[in-house]
C-alpha atoms as a PDB file:
ATOM      1  CA  UNK A   1      42.705 -45.107 -10.374  1.00  0.00           C
ATOM      2  CA  UNK A   2      41.954 -48.333 -12.190  1.00  0.00           C
ATOM      3  CA  UNK A   3      43.922 -51.490 -12.630  1.00  0.00           C
ATOM      4  CA  UNK A   4      45.594 -52.485 -15.899  1.00  0.00           C
ATOM      5  CA  UNK A   5      43.563 -54.988 -17.904  1.00  0.00           C
ATOM      6  CA  UNK A   6      46.297 -55.831 -20.409  1.00  0.00           C
ATOM      7  CA  UNK A   7      49.855 -54.952 -21.292  1.00  0.00           C
ATOM      8  CA  UNK A   8      52.018 -55.310 -24.365  1.00  0.00           C
ATOM      9  CA  UNK A   9      55.792 -55.172 -24.454  1.00  0.00           C
ATOM     10  CA  UNK A  10      57.396 -53.724 -27.578  1.00  0.00           C
ATOM     11  CA  UNK A  11      61.041 -53.039 -28.423  1.00  0.00           C
ATOM     12  CA  UNK A  12      62.464 -49.946 -26.749  1.00  0.00           C
ATOM     13  CA  UNK A  13      62.810 -48.052 -30.005  1.00  0.00           C
ATOM     14  CA  UNK A  14      59.161 -48.571 -31.041  1.00  0.00           C
ATOM     15  CA  UNK A  15      56.705 -45.679 -30.797  1.00  0.00           C
ATOM     16  CA  UNK A  16      53.898 -46.376 -28.314  1.00  0.00           C
ATOM     17  CA  UNK A  17      51.271 -45.824 -30.978  1.00  0.00           C
ATOM     18  CA  UNK A  18      52.530 -48.857 -32.956  1.00  0.00           C
ATOM     19  CA  UNK A  19      51.230 -51.274 -30.321  1.00  0.00           C
ATOM     20  CA  UNK A  20      48.119 -49.324 -29.347  1.00  0.00           C
ATOM     21  CA  UNK A  21      45.589 -51.134 -31.518  1.00  0.00           C
ATOM     22  CA  UNK A  22      46.890 -54.551 -30.487  1.00  0.00           C
ATOM     23  CA  UNK A  23      46.765 -53.575 -26.845  1.00  0.00           C
ATOM     24  CA  UNK A  24      43.222 -52.240 -27.089  1.00  0.00           C
ATOM     25  CA  UNK A  25      42.072 -55.397 -28.880  1.00  0.00           C
ATOM     26  CA  UNK A  26      43.278 -57.477 -25.897  1.00  0.00           C
ATOM     27  CA  UNK A  27      40.547 -55.981 -23.718  1.00  0.00           C
ATOM     28  CA  UNK A  28      37.085 -57.271 -24.507  1.00  0.00           C
ATOM     29  CA  UNK A  29      34.975 -54.131 -24.075  1.00  0.00           C
ATOM     30  CA  UNK A  30      37.012 -51.154 -22.922  1.00  0.00           C
ATOM     31  CA  UNK A  31      35.037 -48.010 -22.119  1.00  0.00           C
ATOM     32  CA  UNK A  32      37.971 -45.665 -21.599  1.00  0.00           C
ATOM     33  CA  UNK A  33      41.593 -45.455 -22.616  1.00  0.00           C
ATOM     34  CA  UNK A  34      43.889 -43.763 -20.136  1.00  0.00           C
ATOM     35  CA  UNK A  35      47.245 -43.149 -21.775  1.00  0.00           C
ATOM     36  CA  UNK A  36      50.010 -40.594 -22.080  1.00  0.00           C
ATOM     37  CA  UNK A  37      50.479 -38.050 -24.869  1.00  0.00           C
ATOM     38  CA  UNK A  38      52.177 -40.564 -27.138  1.00  0.00           C
ATOM     39  CA  UNK A  39      48.715 -41.964 -27.919  1.00  0.00           C
ATOM     40  CA  UNK A  40      47.292 -38.609 -29.046  1.00  0.00           C
ATOM     41  CA  UNK A  41      46.953 -39.244 -32.780  1.00  0.00           C
ATOM     42  CA  UNK A  42      43.890 -38.340 -34.813  1.00  0.00           C
ATOM     43  CA  UNK A  43      43.724 -41.819 -36.403  1.00  0.00           C
ATOM     44  CA  UNK A  44      43.637 -43.547 -33.012  1.00  0.00           C
ATOM     45  CA  UNK A  45      41.140 -41.054 -31.565  1.00  0.00           C
ATOM     46  CA  UNK A  46      38.859 -41.626 -34.588  1.00  0.00           C
ATOM     47  CA  UNK A  47      39.063 -45.392 -34.120  1.00  0.00           C
ATOM     48  CA  UNK A  48      38.325 -45.085 -30.407  1.00  0.00           C
ATOM     49  CA  UNK A  49      35.320 -42.864 -31.123  1.00  0.00           C
ATOM     50  CA  UNK A  50      33.993 -45.378 -33.667  1.00  0.00           C
ATOM     51  CA  UNK A  51      34.244 -48.106 -30.995  1.00  0.00           C
ATOM     52  CA  UNK A  52      32.658 -45.773 -28.403  1.00  0.00           C
ATOM     53  CA  UNK A  53      35.779 -45.727 -26.261  1.00  0.00           C
ATOM     54  CA  UNK A  54      36.489 -42.447 -24.476  1.00  0.00           C
ATOM     55  CA  UNK A  55      40.073 -41.209 -24.744  1.00  0.00           C
ATOM     56  CA  UNK A  56      41.189 -39.883 -21.353  1.00  0.00           C
ATOM     57  CA  UNK A  57      44.757 -39.055 -22.349  1.00  0.00           C
ATOM     58  CA  UNK A  58      45.963 -35.461 -22.362  1.00  0.00           C
ATOM     59  CA  UNK A  59      46.049 -33.818 -25.786  1.00  0.00           C
ATOM     60  CA  UNK A  60      49.364 -32.621 -27.117  1.00  0.00           C
ATOM     61  CA  UNK A  61      49.966 -28.913 -26.922  1.00  0.00           C
ATOM     62  CA  UNK A  62      50.885 -28.963 -30.630  1.00  0.00           C
ATOM     63  CA  UNK A  63      47.893 -30.241 -32.680  1.00  0.00           C
ATOM     64  CA  UNK A  64      50.082 -30.394 -35.810  1.00  0.00           C
ATOM     65  CA  UNK A  65      52.218 -33.051 -34.131  1.00  0.00           C
ATOM     66  CA  UNK A  66      49.137 -35.188 -33.507  1.00  0.00           C
ATOM     67  CA  UNK A  67      47.952 -34.816 -37.090  1.00  0.00           C
ATOM     68  CA  UNK A  68      51.320 -35.944 -38.427  1.00  0.00           C
ATOM     69  CA  UNK A  69      50.922 -39.372 -36.778  1.00  0.00           C
ATOM     70  CA  UNK A  70      47.931 -40.338 -38.963  1.00  0.00           C
END
Protein backbone atom coordinates (compact mmCIF):
# COMPACT_ATOMS: atom_id res chain seq x y z
CA UNK A 1 0.00 0.00 0.00
CA UNK A 2 1.39 3.38 -0.96
CA UNK A 3 0.75 6.83 0.35
CA UNK A 4 -1.25 9.46 -1.54
CA UNK A 5 0.94 11.95 -3.38
CA UNK A 6 -1.84 14.40 -4.22
CA UNK A 7 -5.55 14.90 -3.82
CA UNK A 8 -8.17 17.01 -5.52
CA UNK A 9 -11.57 17.89 -4.13
CA UNK A 10 -14.41 18.29 -6.62
CA UNK A 11 -18.12 18.96 -6.09
CA UNK A 12 -20.09 15.93 -4.95
CA UNK A 13 -22.03 15.68 -8.19
CA UNK A 14 -18.91 15.63 -10.40
CA UNK A 15 -17.79 12.36 -12.00
CA UNK A 16 -14.36 11.25 -10.77
CA UNK A 17 -13.00 11.18 -14.29
CA UNK A 18 -13.50 14.97 -14.64
CA UNK A 19 -10.69 15.69 -12.18
CA UNK A 20 -8.43 12.79 -13.13
CA UNK A 21 -6.11 14.61 -15.52
CA UNK A 22 -5.66 17.52 -13.12
CA UNK A 23 -4.91 15.16 -10.28
CA UNK A 24 -2.37 13.18 -12.30
CA UNK A 25 -0.64 16.39 -13.41
CA UNK A 26 -0.07 17.31 -9.74
CA UNK A 27 2.36 14.42 -9.36
CA UNK A 28 5.68 14.99 -11.06
CA UNK A 29 6.45 11.52 -12.43
CA UNK A 30 3.84 8.95 -11.47
CA UNK A 31 4.59 5.37 -12.46
CA UNK A 32 1.25 3.84 -11.51
CA UNK A 33 -2.30 5.00 -11.00
CA UNK A 34 -4.28 3.09 -8.41
CA UNK A 35 -7.92 4.07 -8.66
CA UNK A 36 -11.43 2.65 -8.56
CA UNK A 37 -13.59 1.67 -11.52
CA UNK A 38 -14.75 5.24 -12.10
CA UNK A 39 -11.39 5.90 -13.76
CA UNK A 40 -11.74 3.05 -16.27
CA UNK A 41 -12.23 5.04 -19.48
CA UNK A 42 -10.45 4.29 -22.73
CA UNK A 43 -9.41 7.95 -23.19
CA UNK A 44 -7.73 8.06 -19.78
CA UNK A 45 -6.08 4.65 -20.23
CA UNK A 46 -4.70 5.80 -23.61
CA UNK A 47 -3.30 8.97 -22.04
CA UNK A 48 -1.73 7.00 -19.20
CA UNK A 49 -0.14 4.58 -21.66
CA UNK A 50 1.28 7.48 -23.68
CA UNK A 51 2.86 8.85 -20.48
CA UNK A 52 4.08 5.35 -19.52
CA UNK A 53 1.91 5.23 -16.42
CA UNK A 54 0.52 1.81 -15.52
CA UNK A 55 -3.18 1.75 -14.68
CA UNK A 56 -3.73 -0.51 -11.66
CA UNK A 57 -7.47 0.08 -11.33
CA UNK A 58 -9.91 -2.76 -11.89
CA UNK A 59 -11.58 -2.79 -15.31
CA UNK A 60 -15.32 -2.46 -15.48
CA UNK A 61 -17.22 -5.64 -16.13
CA UNK A 62 -19.05 -3.86 -18.98
CA UNK A 63 -16.49 -2.66 -21.60
CA UNK A 64 -19.23 -0.70 -23.40
CA UNK A 65 -19.62 1.49 -20.32
CA UNK A 66 -15.92 2.33 -20.40
CA UNK A 67 -16.02 3.16 -24.10
CA UNK A 68 -18.92 5.55 -23.59
CA UNK A 69 -16.79 7.79 -21.33
CA UNK A 70 -14.40 8.76 -24.15
